[in-house]
Every structure is written in structure tokens, then in C-alpha cells.
Amino acid sequence: MLLPSTVLQSDEFAILAAFVAINTVMFAALAVAKILPKVHPTDWFRGRNRRAATRSIHPDERL
């Protein structure tokens, strides 16, 4: 063992272990959120087209 059992059973080590666990869960959640596509709540109410005007080089054509 690298550390004696008295260090592993101390309150300070338990606090440090809890901090590391919470930090790991937070970074994992951020990584998963970064991988997932963005959610646009306005799409649920207005439909898929979020642009008011077409930005095509042919403005008369509608999709």
C-alpha cells in the first residue's frame, strides 16, 4: 500500500474522496452534454424553420 490505513480512514481523506467523486461526475456530465446535439426549445413550438427570411442565393425559391 502507498498510504497507511490511518490516512485512508481519516475524515480529511473522506472529504477529499467526496470532492473528487463529485468533480468526476460533473466533468462526465459536461462531456456527455458536449457530445449530444443542441436542443432548441423554440423548435417545439414554431417548427423546424428558425429563420425569418431565406438566405439562399436564389431568394425566390422556398424549400
C-alpha atoms as a PDB file:
ATOM      1  CA  MET A   1       0.000   0.000   0.000  1.00  0.00           C
ATOM      2  CA  LEU A   2       1.090   3.525  -0.652  1.00  0.00           C
ATOM      3  CA  LEU A   3      -0.722   5.066   2.307  1.00  0.00           C
ATOM      4  CA  PRO A   4      -1.219   3.666   5.787  1.00  0.00           C
ATOM      5  CA  SER A   5      -4.745   2.661   6.793  1.00  0.00           C
ATOM      6  CA  THR A   6      -4.981   5.516   9.303  1.00  0.00           C
ATOM      7  CA  VAL A   7      -4.722   8.038   6.456  1.00  0.00           C
ATOM      8  CA  LEU A   8      -7.315   6.205   4.375  1.00  0.00           C
ATOM      9  CA  GLN A   9      -9.796   6.192   7.270  1.00  0.00           C
ATOM     10  CA  SER A  10      -9.361   9.858   8.225  1.00  0.00           C
ATOM     11  CA  ASP A  11     -12.060  12.495   7.791  1.00  0.00           C
ATOM     12  CA  GLU A  12      -9.835  14.627   5.566  1.00  0.00           C
ATOM     13  CA  PHE A  13      -9.354  11.744   3.145  1.00  0.00           C
ATOM     14  CA  ALA A  14     -13.112  11.116   3.059  1.00  0.00           C
ATOM     15  CA  ILE A  15     -13.759  14.788   2.246  1.00  0.00           C
ATOM     16  CA  LEU A  16     -11.141  14.711  -0.497  1.00  0.00           C
ATOM     17  CA  ALA A  17     -12.595  11.484  -1.922  1.00  0.00           C
ATOM     18  CA  ALA A  18     -16.097  13.008  -1.956  1.00  0.00           C
ATOM     19  CA  PHE A  19     -14.806  16.112  -3.737  1.00  0.00           C
ATOM     20  CA  VAL A  20     -13.040  14.010  -6.366  1.00  0.00           C
ATOM     21  CA  ALA A  21     -16.168  11.887  -6.883  1.00  0.00           C
ATOM     22  CA  ILE A  22     -18.411  14.932  -7.359  1.00  0.00           C
ATOM     23  CA  ASN A  23     -15.858  16.551  -9.661  1.00  0.00           C
ATOM     24  CA  THR A  24     -15.640  13.383 -11.770  1.00  0.00           C
ATOM     25  CA  VAL A  25     -19.416  13.154 -12.120  1.00  0.00           C
ATOM     26  CA  MET A  26     -19.646  16.819 -13.108  1.00  0.00           C
ATOM     27  CA  PHE A  27     -16.973  16.528 -15.792  1.00  0.00           C
ATOM     28  CA  ALA A  28     -18.556  13.337 -17.124  1.00  0.00           C
ATOM     29  CA  ALA A  29     -21.922  15.118 -17.379  1.00  0.00           C
ATOM     30  CA  LEU A  30     -20.298  18.045 -19.183  1.00  0.00           C
ATOM     31  CA  ALA A  31     -18.578  15.685 -21.610  1.00  0.00           C
ATOM     32  CA  VAL A  32     -21.846  13.896 -22.388  1.00  0.00           C
ATOM     33  CA  ALA A  33     -23.659  17.221 -22.807  1.00  0.00           C
ATOM     34  CA  LYS A  34     -20.962  18.361 -25.233  1.00  0.00           C
ATOM     35  CA  ILE A  35     -21.401  15.218 -27.357  1.00  0.00           C
ATOM     36  CA  LEU A  36     -25.200  15.455 -27.608  1.00  0.00           C
ATOM     37  CA  PRO A  37     -26.788  17.763 -30.208  1.00  0.00           C
ATOM     38  CA  LYS A  38     -28.060  21.166 -29.107  1.00  0.00           C
ATOM     39  CA  VAL A  39     -31.678  21.376 -28.040  1.00  0.00           C
ATOM     40  CA  HIS A  40     -33.689  24.332 -29.303  1.00  0.00           C
ATOM     41  CA  PRO A  41     -36.932  24.621 -27.280  1.00  0.00           C
ATOM     42  CA  THR A  42     -38.385  27.071 -29.816  1.00  0.00           C
ATOM     43  CA  ASP A  43     -38.445  24.235 -32.364  1.00  0.00           C
ATOM     44  CA  TRP A  44     -41.102  22.529 -30.265  1.00  0.00           C
ATOM     45  CA  PHE A  45     -43.461  25.463 -30.700  1.00  0.00           C
ATOM     46  CA  ARG A  46     -42.622  27.094 -34.042  1.00  0.00           C
ATOM     47  CA  GLY A  47     -41.473  24.148 -36.148  1.00  0.00           C
ATOM     48  CA  ARG A  48     -38.122  23.387 -37.727  1.00  0.00           C
ATOM     49  CA  ASN A  49     -37.518  26.650 -39.647  1.00  0.00           C
ATOM     50  CA  ARG A  50     -35.874  29.168 -37.297  1.00  0.00           C
ATOM     51  CA  ARG A  51     -35.033  31.755 -39.968  1.00  0.00           C
ATOM     52  CA  ALA A  52     -37.459  34.554 -40.753  1.00  0.00           C
ATOM     53  CA  ALA A  53     -36.067  35.024 -44.268  1.00  0.00           C
ATOM     54  CA  THR A  54     -34.382  32.714 -46.724  1.00  0.00           C
ATOM     55  CA  ARG A  55     -30.617  33.041 -47.030  1.00  0.00           C
ATOM     56  CA  SER A  56     -30.345  31.319 -50.361  1.00  0.00           C
ATOM     57  CA  ILE A  57     -28.595  32.820 -53.360  1.00  0.00           C
ATOM     58  CA  HIS A  58     -31.987  32.388 -55.030  1.00  0.00           C
ATOM     59  CA  PRO A  59     -34.303  34.212 -52.579  1.00  0.00           C
ATOM     60  CA  ASP A  60     -37.473  33.490 -54.551  1.00  0.00           C
ATOM     61  CA  GLU A  61     -37.219  29.734 -54.068  1.00  0.00           C
ATOM     62  CA  ARG A  62     -38.726  28.234 -50.910  1.00  0.00           C
ATOM     63  CA  LEU A  63     -37.836  24.801 -49.558  1.00  0.00           C
END
